[in-house]
């Protein structure tokens, strides 16, 4: 059998080799795509700032104590941020709730009565209010202008459970009024229909 010089074979060309390499190695591109995290962080930062501004404008940042079932009302007005006094649920006459200031317990509601506080000035609450008022003045500066502005803004928010006796609420309001906070605002749950329901 005679020996012949090898000729060209199918698939041995340069172009076909390039195609084979592209198929075998994915065209020389990595299978893992790079992700730039910096723009994503910027986006989430802007979103958080936007939500905080929206909630601050509508007063939704006020924390509602889980042990306070607030009364429902139709007439409403959005609350500005202010110190919060909460009166929690009465389980029974023998198990009254607590009085909280900014979610910190001040005393039990069983100690809020005319026998222990005949002048309607609840001493433990009064001390907390005076301390908070002093901190407000210190934070805003001791200048006469800022002190005057503070004195015109004496709002305080009262969250009272529906089971709390009105006599307790009156004593809390009186104590707040005697200790710089003379504009009580009651936190409520908005009834279905809102102001329209009241108008009807």
N, C-alpha and C. Protein backbone atom coordinates (compact mmCIF):
# COMPACT_ATOMS: atom_id res chain seq x y z
N UNK A 1 0.85 -1.19 0.00
CA UNK A 1 0.00 0.00 0.00
C UNK A 1 0.88 1.24 0.00
N UNK A 2 0.63 2.11 -0.93
CA UNK A 2 1.48 3.30 -1.07
C UNK A 2 1.15 4.32 0.01
N UNK A 3 2.16 5.10 0.36
CA UNK A 3 2.00 6.14 1.39
C UNK A 3 1.78 7.47 0.69
N UNK A 4 0.74 8.20 1.13
CA UNK A 4 0.40 9.50 0.56
C UNK A 4 0.63 10.60 1.60
N UNK A 5 0.91 11.76 1.12
CA UNK A 5 1.04 12.93 2.02
C UNK A 5 -0.33 13.28 2.61
N UNK A 6 -0.39 13.51 3.90
CA UNK A 6 -1.69 13.85 4.52
C UNK A 6 -2.22 15.16 3.98
N UNK A 7 -3.47 15.18 3.68
CA UNK A 7 -4.10 16.40 3.19
C UNK A 7 -4.86 17.12 4.29
N UNK A 8 -5.56 18.15 3.89
CA UNK A 8 -6.35 18.92 4.87
C UNK A 8 -7.55 18.12 5.32
N UNK A 9 -7.87 18.27 6.61
CA UNK A 9 -9.02 17.56 7.17
C UNK A 9 -10.09 18.56 7.61
N UNK A 10 -11.30 18.11 7.58
CA UNK A 10 -12.40 18.98 8.00
C UNK A 10 -12.26 19.32 9.48
N UNK A 11 -12.39 20.56 9.80
CA UNK A 11 -12.31 20.98 11.20
C UNK A 11 -10.93 21.35 11.63
N UNK A 12 -9.95 21.32 10.72
CA UNK A 12 -8.59 21.64 11.11
C UNK A 12 -8.21 23.08 10.82
N UNK A 13 -9.13 23.87 10.25
CA UNK A 13 -8.83 25.25 9.92
C UNK A 13 -8.77 26.14 11.15
N UNK A 14 -8.17 27.32 10.98
CA UNK A 14 -8.03 28.26 12.10
C UNK A 14 -9.39 28.75 12.58
N UNK A 15 -10.29 29.00 11.63
CA UNK A 15 -11.62 29.51 12.01
C UNK A 15 -12.39 28.49 12.83
N UNK A 16 -12.29 27.20 12.42
CA UNK A 16 -13.01 26.17 13.17
C UNK A 16 -12.40 25.96 14.55
N UNK A 17 -11.08 26.12 14.67
CA UNK A 17 -10.45 26.00 15.98
C UNK A 17 -10.96 27.09 16.92
N UNK A 18 -11.13 28.27 16.35
CA UNK A 18 -11.65 29.38 17.16
C UNK A 18 -13.07 29.10 17.65
N UNK A 19 -13.88 28.53 16.76
CA UNK A 19 -15.26 28.19 17.14
C UNK A 19 -15.28 27.14 18.23
N UNK A 20 -14.39 26.11 18.07
CA UNK A 20 -14.35 25.05 19.09
C UNK A 20 -13.94 25.62 20.45
N UNK A 21 -12.95 26.48 20.44
CA UNK A 21 -12.51 27.08 21.71
C UNK A 21 -13.61 27.94 22.34
N UNK A 22 -14.36 28.63 21.48
CA UNK A 22 -15.45 29.47 21.99
C UNK A 22 -16.52 28.63 22.65
N UNK A 23 -16.86 27.49 22.02
CA UNK A 23 -17.88 26.60 22.57
C UNK A 23 -17.40 25.95 23.85
N UNK A 24 -16.13 25.55 23.87
CA UNK A 24 -15.59 24.82 25.03
C UNK A 24 -15.38 25.73 26.22
N UNK A 25 -14.99 26.98 25.98
CA UNK A 25 -14.63 27.87 27.08
C UNK A 25 -15.56 29.06 27.24
N UNK A 26 -16.72 29.00 26.61
CA UNK A 26 -17.69 30.07 26.77
C UNK A 26 -17.27 31.38 26.17
N UNK A 27 -16.51 31.33 25.11
CA UNK A 27 -16.11 32.57 24.45
C UNK A 27 -15.09 33.36 25.23
N UNK A 28 -14.44 32.74 26.22
CA UNK A 28 -13.43 33.44 27.00
C UNK A 28 -14.00 34.35 28.07
N UNK A 29 -15.33 34.35 28.30
CA UNK A 29 -15.97 35.20 29.30
C UNK A 29 -16.24 34.41 30.57
N UNK A 30 -16.15 35.10 31.71
CA UNK A 30 -16.40 34.45 32.99
C UNK A 30 -17.89 34.20 33.17
N UNK A 31 -18.21 33.11 33.86
CA UNK A 31 -19.60 32.78 34.13
C UNK A 31 -20.17 33.60 35.27
N UNK A 32 -19.32 34.30 36.04
CA UNK A 32 -19.76 35.07 37.21
C UNK A 32 -19.76 36.56 36.86
N UNK A 33 -20.94 37.18 36.97
CA UNK A 33 -21.06 38.60 36.67
C UNK A 33 -20.73 39.42 37.92
N UNK A 34 -20.02 40.51 37.76
CA UNK A 34 -19.67 41.38 38.88
C UNK A 34 -20.85 42.29 39.22
N UNK A 35 -21.06 42.51 40.52
CA UNK A 35 -22.16 43.35 40.99
C UNK A 35 -21.59 44.53 41.76
N UNK A 36 -21.92 45.73 41.32
CA UNK A 36 -21.46 46.94 41.99
C UNK A 36 -22.42 47.26 43.13
N UNK A 37 -21.94 47.16 44.36
CA UNK A 37 -22.81 47.31 45.53
C UNK A 37 -23.03 48.77 45.91
N UNK A 38 -22.10 49.64 45.55
CA UNK A 38 -22.18 51.04 45.99
C UNK A 38 -23.47 51.73 45.54
N UNK A 39 -23.86 51.63 44.27
CA UNK A 39 -25.13 52.26 43.88
C UNK A 39 -26.34 51.70 44.61
N UNK A 40 -26.29 50.40 44.92
CA UNK A 40 -27.41 49.78 45.65
C UNK A 40 -27.50 50.35 47.06
N UNK A 41 -26.34 50.54 47.72
CA UNK A 41 -26.34 51.12 49.06
C UNK A 41 -26.87 52.55 49.03
N UNK A 42 -26.45 53.30 48.02
CA UNK A 42 -26.95 54.68 47.88
C UNK A 42 -28.46 54.70 47.70
N UNK A 43 -28.97 53.76 46.92
CA UNK A 43 -30.41 53.70 46.67
C UNK A 43 -31.18 53.41 47.95
N UNK A 44 -30.70 52.42 48.73
CA UNK A 44 -31.39 52.07 49.97
C UNK A 44 -31.28 53.21 50.99
N UNK A 45 -30.15 53.91 51.01
CA UNK A 45 -30.00 55.04 51.92
C UNK A 45 -31.01 56.13 51.61
N UNK A 46 -31.16 56.44 50.34
CA UNK A 46 -32.14 57.45 49.93
C UNK A 46 -33.56 57.01 50.28
N UNK A 47 -33.84 55.72 50.13
CA UNK A 47 -35.17 55.20 50.44
C UNK A 47 -35.47 55.32 51.92
N UNK A 48 -34.48 54.98 52.76
CA UNK A 48 -34.68 55.07 54.21
C UNK A 48 -34.90 56.52 54.64
N UNK A 49 -34.10 57.44 54.09
CA UNK A 49 -34.26 58.86 54.43
C UNK A 49 -35.64 59.36 54.02
N UNK A 50 -36.08 58.94 52.84
CA UNK A 50 -37.40 59.36 52.36
C UNK A 50 -38.50 58.86 53.29
N UNK A 51 -38.42 57.59 53.70
CA UNK A 51 -39.46 57.03 54.58
C UNK A 51 -39.46 57.71 55.94
N UNK A 52 -38.26 57.99 56.48
CA UNK A 52 -38.18 58.66 57.77
C UNK A 52 -38.81 60.05 57.70
N UNK A 53 -38.54 60.76 56.62
CA UNK A 53 -39.12 62.10 56.47
C UNK A 53 -40.64 62.03 56.35
N UNK A 54 -41.14 61.02 55.64
CA UNK A 54 -42.58 60.88 55.49
C UNK A 54 -43.24 60.55 56.81
N UNK A 55 -42.65 59.60 57.56
CA UNK A 55 -43.22 59.21 58.84
C UNK A 55 -43.13 60.34 59.85
N UNK A 56 -42.03 61.11 59.81
CA UNK A 56 -41.88 62.23 60.74
C UNK A 56 -42.93 63.29 60.46
N UNK A 57 -43.22 63.50 59.21
CA UNK A 57 -44.20 64.52 58.85
C UNK A 57 -45.60 64.13 59.28
N UNK A 58 -45.90 62.84 59.30
CA UNK A 58 -47.25 62.39 59.63
C UNK A 58 -47.40 61.95 61.07
N UNK A 59 -46.30 61.99 61.85
CA UNK A 59 -46.38 61.61 63.25
C UNK A 59 -46.46 60.13 63.49
N UNK A 60 -46.13 59.31 62.50
CA UNK A 60 -46.28 57.87 62.65
C UNK A 60 -45.14 57.24 63.44
N UNK A 61 -44.15 58.05 63.83
CA UNK A 61 -43.04 57.49 64.59
C UNK A 61 -43.38 57.33 66.07
N UNK A 62 -44.54 57.77 66.49
CA UNK A 62 -44.95 57.61 67.87
C UNK A 62 -45.14 56.14 68.18
N UNK A 63 -44.47 55.68 69.21
CA UNK A 63 -44.55 54.29 69.59
C UNK A 63 -45.81 54.05 70.42
N UNK A 64 -46.58 53.05 70.05
CA UNK A 64 -47.80 52.70 70.78
C UNK A 64 -47.50 51.50 71.67
N UNK A 65 -47.73 51.65 72.96
CA UNK A 65 -47.48 50.57 73.89
C UNK A 65 -48.42 49.40 73.60
N UNK A 66 -47.90 48.17 73.52
CA UNK A 66 -48.77 47.02 73.19
C UNK A 66 -49.81 46.72 74.26
N UNK A 67 -49.61 47.24 75.49
CA UNK A 67 -50.56 47.00 76.57
C UNK A 67 -51.58 48.12 76.71
N UNK A 68 -51.67 48.96 75.68
CA UNK A 68 -52.63 50.07 75.70
C UNK A 68 -53.58 49.92 74.52
N UNK A 69 -54.86 49.66 74.82
CA UNK A 69 -55.90 49.63 73.79
C UNK A 69 -56.57 51.00 73.79
N UNK A 70 -56.14 51.86 72.89
CA UNK A 70 -56.60 53.25 72.91
C UNK A 70 -58.05 53.35 72.46
N UNK A 71 -58.78 54.33 72.97
CA UNK A 71 -60.18 54.51 72.55
C UNK A 71 -60.26 54.96 71.10
N UNK A 72 -61.41 54.69 70.48
CA UNK A 72 -61.63 55.09 69.10
C UNK A 72 -62.37 56.42 69.06
N UNK A 73 -62.06 57.20 68.05
CA UNK A 73 -62.72 58.50 67.87
C UNK A 73 -62.78 58.82 66.39
N UNK A 74 -63.76 59.62 66.02
CA UNK A 74 -63.91 59.99 64.62
C UNK A 74 -63.13 61.24 64.27
N UNK A 75 -63.20 62.26 65.15
CA UNK A 75 -62.46 63.49 64.92
C UNK A 75 -61.00 63.25 65.28
N UNK A 76 -60.11 63.72 64.43
CA UNK A 76 -58.69 63.44 64.66
C UNK A 76 -57.84 64.61 64.18
N UNK A 77 -56.63 64.65 64.72
CA UNK A 77 -55.62 65.60 64.29
C UNK A 77 -54.27 64.93 64.48
N UNK A 78 -53.41 65.07 63.49
CA UNK A 78 -52.11 64.42 63.58
C UNK A 78 -51.30 65.02 64.73
N UNK A 79 -50.62 64.13 65.47
CA UNK A 79 -49.87 64.55 66.64
C UNK A 79 -48.44 64.89 66.27
N UNK A 80 -47.93 65.96 66.88
CA UNK A 80 -46.51 66.27 66.77
C UNK A 80 -45.75 65.41 67.78
N UNK A 81 -44.47 65.24 67.51
CA UNK A 81 -43.65 64.45 68.44
C UNK A 81 -43.55 65.18 69.77
N UNK A 82 -43.83 64.47 70.85
CA UNK A 82 -43.81 65.04 72.19
C UNK A 82 -43.57 63.90 73.17
N UNK A 83 -43.21 64.22 74.43
CA UNK A 83 -43.06 63.16 75.43
C UNK A 83 -44.36 62.38 75.59
N UNK A 84 -44.23 61.09 75.89
CA UNK A 84 -45.40 60.20 75.94
C UNK A 84 -45.57 59.63 77.35
N UNK A 85 -46.76 59.81 77.90
CA UNK A 85 -47.16 59.15 79.14
C UNK A 85 -48.18 58.08 78.77
N UNK A 86 -47.93 56.85 79.19
CA UNK A 86 -48.82 55.74 78.85
C UNK A 86 -49.43 55.15 80.13
N UNK A 87 -50.72 54.86 80.06
CA UNK A 87 -51.44 54.19 81.15
C UNK A 87 -51.91 52.86 80.61
N UNK A 88 -51.32 51.78 81.10
CA UNK A 88 -51.57 50.47 80.52
C UNK A 88 -52.85 49.84 81.07
N UNK A 89 -53.19 48.72 80.48
CA UNK A 89 -54.47 48.04 80.71
C UNK A 89 -54.64 47.57 82.15
N UNK A 90 -55.87 47.72 82.64
CA UNK A 90 -56.26 47.14 83.92
C UNK A 90 -56.79 45.74 83.65
N UNK A 91 -56.14 44.73 84.22
CA UNK A 91 -56.64 43.36 84.08
C UNK A 91 -57.83 43.14 85.01
N UNK A 92 -57.77 43.74 86.20
CA UNK A 92 -58.86 43.67 87.17
C UNK A 92 -58.62 44.75 88.22
N UNK A 93 -59.56 44.87 89.17
CA UNK A 93 -59.36 45.85 90.23
C UNK A 93 -58.14 45.53 91.08
N UNK A 94 -57.85 44.24 91.18
CA UNK A 94 -56.69 43.82 91.97
C UNK A 94 -55.40 43.83 91.15
N UNK A 95 -55.52 44.02 89.84
CA UNK A 95 -54.33 44.03 88.97
C UNK A 95 -54.38 45.24 88.05
N UNK A 96 -54.18 46.43 88.62
CA UNK A 96 -54.19 47.63 87.78
C UNK A 96 -52.95 47.71 86.91
N UNK A 97 -53.01 48.57 85.93
CA UNK A 97 -51.87 48.72 85.03
C UNK A 97 -50.80 49.62 85.62
N UNK A 98 -49.86 50.01 84.77
CA UNK A 98 -48.74 50.85 85.19
C UNK A 98 -48.81 52.21 84.51
N UNK A 99 -48.09 53.15 85.07
CA UNK A 99 -47.89 54.44 84.43
C UNK A 99 -46.47 54.46 83.89
N UNK A 100 -46.35 54.70 82.59
CA UNK A 100 -45.05 54.71 81.92
C UNK A 100 -44.76 56.09 81.37
N UNK A 101 -43.49 56.46 81.40
CA UNK A 101 -43.04 57.67 80.72
C UNK A 101 -41.97 57.28 79.72
N UNK A 102 -42.25 57.49 78.45
CA UNK A 102 -41.36 57.08 77.36
C UNK A 102 -41.00 55.60 77.49
N UNK A 103 -42.04 54.78 77.76
CA UNK A 103 -41.93 53.32 77.87
C UNK A 103 -41.12 52.86 79.08
N UNK A 104 -40.85 53.73 80.03
CA UNK A 104 -40.18 53.35 81.28
C UNK A 104 -41.18 53.46 82.42
N UNK A 105 -41.28 52.40 83.22
CA UNK A 105 -42.26 52.38 84.31
C UNK A 105 -41.91 53.43 85.35
N UNK A 106 -42.92 54.20 85.75
CA UNK A 106 -42.76 55.20 86.80
C UNK A 106 -43.35 54.68 88.11
N UNK A 107 -44.58 54.20 88.05
CA UNK A 107 -45.22 53.61 89.22
C UNK A 107 -46.46 52.84 88.77
N UNK A 108 -47.02 52.07 89.72
CA UNK A 108 -48.24 51.33 89.44
C UNK A 108 -49.45 52.25 89.59
N UNK A 109 -50.47 52.00 88.80
CA UNK A 109 -51.67 52.84 88.88
C UNK A 109 -52.43 52.66 90.18
N UNK A 110 -52.15 51.59 90.90
CA UNK A 110 -52.82 51.40 92.20
C UNK A 110 -52.37 52.47 93.20
N UNK A 111 -51.23 53.11 92.93
CA UNK A 111 -50.72 54.17 93.80
C UNK A 111 -51.18 55.55 93.37
N UNK A 112 -52.02 55.61 92.33
CA UNK A 112 -52.53 56.90 91.87
C UNK A 112 -53.94 57.08 92.41
N UNK A 113 -54.05 57.75 93.53
CA UNK A 113 -55.35 58.01 94.15
C UNK A 113 -55.22 59.24 95.04
N UNK A 114 -56.37 59.75 95.47
CA UNK A 114 -56.38 60.98 96.26
C UNK A 114 -55.87 60.76 97.67
N UNK A 115 -55.86 59.52 98.13
CA UNK A 115 -55.35 59.25 99.48
C UNK A 115 -53.84 59.47 99.52
N UNK A 116 -53.14 58.94 98.51
CA UNK A 116 -51.68 59.08 98.47
C UNK A 116 -51.25 60.41 97.87
N UNK A 117 -52.10 60.99 97.03
CA UNK A 117 -51.75 62.27 96.38
C UNK A 117 -52.95 63.21 96.49
N UNK A 118 -53.19 63.75 97.69
CA UNK A 118 -54.39 64.59 97.90
C UNK A 118 -54.38 65.88 97.08
N UNK A 119 -53.20 66.36 96.70
CA UNK A 119 -53.12 67.60 95.90
C UNK A 119 -53.17 67.31 94.40
N UNK A 120 -53.37 66.08 94.03
CA UNK A 120 -53.41 65.66 92.62
C UNK A 120 -52.07 65.89 91.93
N UNK A 121 -51.01 65.86 92.69
CA UNK A 121 -49.66 65.98 92.12
C UNK A 121 -48.92 64.68 92.39
N UNK A 122 -48.83 63.83 91.37
CA UNK A 122 -48.20 62.51 91.52
C UNK A 122 -46.69 62.71 91.57
N UNK A 123 -46.10 62.58 92.74
CA UNK A 123 -44.70 62.94 92.96
C UNK A 123 -43.73 62.20 92.03
N UNK A 124 -43.82 60.87 91.90
CA UNK A 124 -42.86 60.19 91.00
C UNK A 124 -42.94 60.68 89.56
N UNK A 125 -44.16 60.91 89.07
CA UNK A 125 -44.32 61.42 87.71
C UNK A 125 -43.82 62.86 87.62
N UNK A 126 -44.08 63.66 88.64
CA UNK A 126 -43.62 65.06 88.64
C UNK A 126 -42.10 65.14 88.54
N UNK A 127 -41.41 64.27 89.26
CA UNK A 127 -39.94 64.28 89.21
C UNK A 127 -39.43 63.93 87.81
N UNK A 128 -40.08 62.95 87.18
CA UNK A 128 -39.66 62.56 85.82
C UNK A 128 -39.92 63.69 84.83
N UNK A 129 -41.06 64.35 84.97
CA UNK A 129 -41.40 65.45 84.06
C UNK A 129 -40.43 66.62 84.22
N UNK A 130 -40.10 66.96 85.46
CA UNK A 130 -39.16 68.05 85.70
C UNK A 130 -37.78 67.73 85.11
N UNK A 131 -37.35 66.49 85.28
CA UNK A 131 -36.06 66.09 84.74
C UNK A 131 -36.06 66.15 83.21
N UNK A 132 -37.16 65.68 82.61
CA UNK A 132 -37.25 65.72 81.15
C UNK A 132 -37.29 67.16 80.64
N UNK A 133 -38.00 68.03 81.37
CA UNK A 133 -38.06 69.44 80.96
C UNK A 133 -36.68 70.08 81.02
N UNK A 134 -35.93 69.76 82.09
CA UNK A 134 -34.57 70.31 82.22
C UNK A 134 -33.67 69.81 81.08
N UNK A 135 -33.82 68.54 80.72
CA UNK A 135 -33.03 68.00 79.61
C UNK A 135 -33.40 68.67 78.29
N UNK A 136 -34.68 68.98 78.11
CA UNK A 136 -35.10 69.69 76.91
C UNK A 136 -34.44 71.05 76.81
N UNK A 137 -34.41 71.77 77.92
CA UNK A 137 -33.80 73.09 77.92
C UNK A 137 -32.30 73.00 77.66
N UNK A 138 -31.66 71.99 78.26
CA UNK A 138 -30.22 71.83 78.07
C UNK A 138 -29.90 71.48 76.63
N UNK A 139 -30.73 70.62 76.02
CA UNK A 139 -30.50 70.20 74.64
C UNK A 139 -30.69 71.36 73.67
N UNK A 140 -31.68 72.19 73.93
CA UNK A 140 -31.98 73.29 73.02
C UNK A 140 -31.19 74.56 73.33
N UNK A 141 -30.46 74.56 74.44
CA UNK A 141 -29.66 75.73 74.77
C UNK A 141 -30.36 76.63 75.77
N UNK A 142 -29.58 77.33 76.60
CA UNK A 142 -30.17 78.15 77.66
C UNK A 142 -30.52 79.58 77.23
N UNK A 143 -30.47 79.88 75.95
CA UNK A 143 -30.74 81.25 75.51
C UNK A 143 -32.19 81.61 75.78
N UNK A 144 -32.48 82.88 76.08
CA UNK A 144 -33.87 83.29 76.37
C UNK A 144 -34.83 83.00 75.23
N UNK A 145 -34.34 83.17 73.98
CA UNK A 145 -35.22 82.93 72.83
C UNK A 145 -35.66 81.47 72.78
N UNK A 146 -34.69 80.55 72.98
CA UNK A 146 -35.04 79.13 72.91
C UNK A 146 -35.89 78.72 74.10
N UNK A 147 -35.61 79.29 75.27
CA UNK A 147 -36.43 78.98 76.44
C UNK A 147 -37.86 79.45 76.24
N UNK A 148 -38.02 80.62 75.64
CA UNK A 148 -39.37 81.12 75.35
C UNK A 148 -40.08 80.23 74.36
N UNK A 149 -39.35 79.75 73.35
CA UNK A 149 -39.95 78.84 72.36
C UNK A 149 -40.38 77.54 73.02
N UNK A 150 -39.56 77.06 73.97
CA UNK A 150 -39.92 75.83 74.67
C UNK A 150 -41.19 76.04 75.50
N UNK A 151 -41.31 77.18 76.12
CA UNK A 151 -42.46 77.43 77.00
C UNK A 151 -43.76 77.57 76.21
N UNK A 152 -43.65 77.89 74.94
CA UNK A 152 -44.85 77.93 74.11
C UNK A 152 -45.17 76.56 73.53
N UNK A 153 -44.28 75.59 73.71
CA UNK A 153 -44.52 74.23 73.22
C UNK A 153 -44.47 73.28 74.41
N UNK A 154 -45.59 73.14 75.08
CA UNK A 154 -45.65 72.32 76.28
C UNK A 154 -46.51 71.08 76.05
N UNK A 155 -46.46 70.56 74.87
CA UNK A 155 -47.31 69.42 74.54
C UNK A 155 -46.79 68.14 75.17
N UNK A 156 -47.73 67.29 75.52
CA UNK A 156 -47.41 65.94 75.99
C UNK A 156 -48.51 65.01 75.48
N UNK A 157 -48.12 63.82 75.10
CA UNK A 157 -49.07 62.84 74.56
C UNK A 157 -49.43 61.84 75.66
N UNK A 158 -50.72 61.61 75.82
CA UNK A 158 -51.20 60.65 76.81
C UNK A 158 -51.84 59.48 76.08
N UNK A 159 -51.30 58.30 76.29
CA UNK A 159 -51.88 57.06 75.77
C UNK A 159 -52.56 56.35 76.94
N UNK A 160 -53.86 56.33 76.94
CA UNK A 160 -54.60 55.72 78.04
C UNK A 160 -55.44 54.56 77.52
N UNK A 161 -55.28 53.41 78.16
CA UNK A 161 -56.10 52.26 77.80
C UNK A 161 -57.56 52.53 78.17
N UNK A 162 -58.46 51.89 77.44
CA UNK A 162 -59.89 52.11 77.67
C UNK A 162 -60.36 51.64 79.03
N UNK A 163 -59.56 50.79 79.69
CA UNK A 163 -59.96 50.28 81.01
C UNK A 163 -59.48 51.17 82.15
N UNK A 164 -58.70 52.19 81.87
CA UNK A 164 -58.16 53.05 82.93
C UNK A 164 -59.25 53.98 83.46
N UNK A 165 -59.47 54.04 84.77
CA UNK A 165 -60.49 54.94 85.33
C UNK A 165 -60.18 56.40 85.01
N UNK A 166 -61.23 57.17 84.80
CA UNK A 166 -61.03 58.57 84.43
C UNK A 166 -60.39 59.36 85.57
N UNK A 167 -60.62 58.92 86.81
CA UNK A 167 -60.01 59.61 87.95
C UNK A 167 -58.49 59.55 87.87
N UNK A 168 -57.96 58.43 87.38
CA UNK A 168 -56.50 58.30 87.21
C UNK A 168 -56.02 59.23 86.11
N UNK A 169 -56.75 59.28 85.01
CA UNK A 169 -56.36 60.14 83.89
C UNK A 169 -56.37 61.61 84.31
N UNK A 170 -57.37 62.02 85.10
CA UNK A 170 -57.44 63.41 85.55
C UNK A 170 -56.24 63.78 86.41
N UNK A 171 -55.82 62.87 87.28
CA UNK A 171 -54.67 63.15 88.14
C UNK A 171 -53.38 63.23 87.32
N UNK A 172 -53.28 62.40 86.29
CA UNK A 172 -52.10 62.46 85.41
C UNK A 172 -52.08 63.79 84.66
N UNK A 173 -53.23 64.22 84.16
CA UNK A 173 -53.31 65.50 83.45
C UNK A 173 -52.95 66.66 84.37
N UNK A 174 -53.44 66.61 85.60
CA UNK A 174 -53.15 67.68 86.56
C UNK A 174 -51.66 67.74 86.87
N UNK A 175 -51.04 66.57 87.03
CA UNK A 175 -49.60 66.53 87.32
C UNK A 175 -48.79 67.07 86.15
N UNK A 176 -49.18 66.70 84.94
CA UNK A 176 -48.47 67.21 83.76
C UNK A 176 -48.59 68.73 83.66
N UNK A 177 -49.79 69.24 83.94
CA UNK A 177 -50.01 70.68 83.85
C UNK A 177 -49.22 71.47 84.87
N UNK A 178 -48.99 70.88 86.03
CA UNK A 178 -48.24 71.58 87.08
C UNK A 178 -46.73 71.50 86.87
N UNK A 179 -46.31 70.70 85.94
CA UNK A 179 -44.88 70.49 85.72
C UNK A 179 -44.50 70.75 84.26
N UNK A 180 -44.90 71.94 83.81
CA UNK A 180 -44.49 72.51 82.51
C UNK A 180 -45.24 71.99 81.30
N UNK A 181 -45.90 70.83 81.40
CA UNK A 181 -46.57 70.26 80.22
C UNK A 181 -48.08 70.51 80.34
N UNK A 182 -48.52 71.61 79.74
CA UNK A 182 -49.89 72.08 79.93
C UNK A 182 -50.77 71.87 78.71
N UNK A 183 -50.27 71.16 77.72
CA UNK A 183 -51.07 70.91 76.51
C UNK A 183 -51.17 69.41 76.27
N UNK A 184 -52.03 68.71 77.01
CA UNK A 184 -52.14 67.26 76.80
C UNK A 184 -52.85 66.93 75.49
N UNK A 185 -52.31 65.95 74.80
CA UNK A 185 -52.94 65.42 73.57
C UNK A 185 -53.16 63.93 73.78
N UNK A 186 -54.36 63.46 73.46
CA UNK A 186 -54.68 62.05 73.66
C UNK A 186 -54.50 61.28 72.36
N UNK A 187 -53.74 60.19 72.44
CA UNK A 187 -53.58 59.31 71.29
C UNK A 187 -54.81 58.42 71.19
N UNK A 188 -55.34 58.28 69.99
CA UNK A 188 -56.57 57.51 69.77
C UNK A 188 -56.41 56.59 68.58
N UNK A 189 -57.35 55.68 68.44
CA UNK A 189 -57.49 54.89 67.22
C UNK A 189 -58.60 55.53 66.39
N UNK A 190 -58.33 55.76 65.13
CA UNK A 190 -59.31 56.43 64.28
C UNK A 190 -60.44 55.46 63.95
N UNK A 191 -61.67 55.87 64.22
CA UNK A 191 -62.83 55.04 63.93
C UNK A 191 -63.08 55.01 62.43
N UNK A 192 -63.70 53.91 61.93
CA UNK A 192 -64.02 53.84 60.49
C UNK A 192 -64.89 55.01 60.07
N UNK A 193 -64.52 55.66 59.00
CA UNK A 193 -65.26 56.81 58.52
C UNK A 193 -64.69 58.13 58.95
N UNK A 194 -63.89 58.13 60.04
CA UNK A 194 -63.22 59.33 60.48
C UNK A 194 -64.18 60.47 60.77
N UNK A 195 -63.79 61.67 60.33
CA UNK A 195 -64.59 62.86 60.59
C UNK A 195 -65.97 62.78 59.93
N UNK A 196 -66.06 62.06 58.81
CA UNK A 196 -67.35 61.95 58.13
C UNK A 196 -68.36 61.22 59.00
N UNK A 197 -67.88 60.19 59.74
CA UNK A 197 -68.79 59.44 60.61
C UNK A 197 -69.33 60.33 61.72
N UNK A 198 -68.47 61.23 62.24
CA UNK A 198 -68.92 62.13 63.30
C UNK A 198 -69.92 63.13 62.75
N UNK A 199 -69.65 63.62 61.53
CA UNK A 199 -70.54 64.62 60.93
C UNK A 199 -71.93 64.07 60.71
N UNK A 200 -72.02 62.78 60.40
CA UNK A 200 -73.32 62.17 60.18
C UNK A 200 -74.08 62.00 61.49
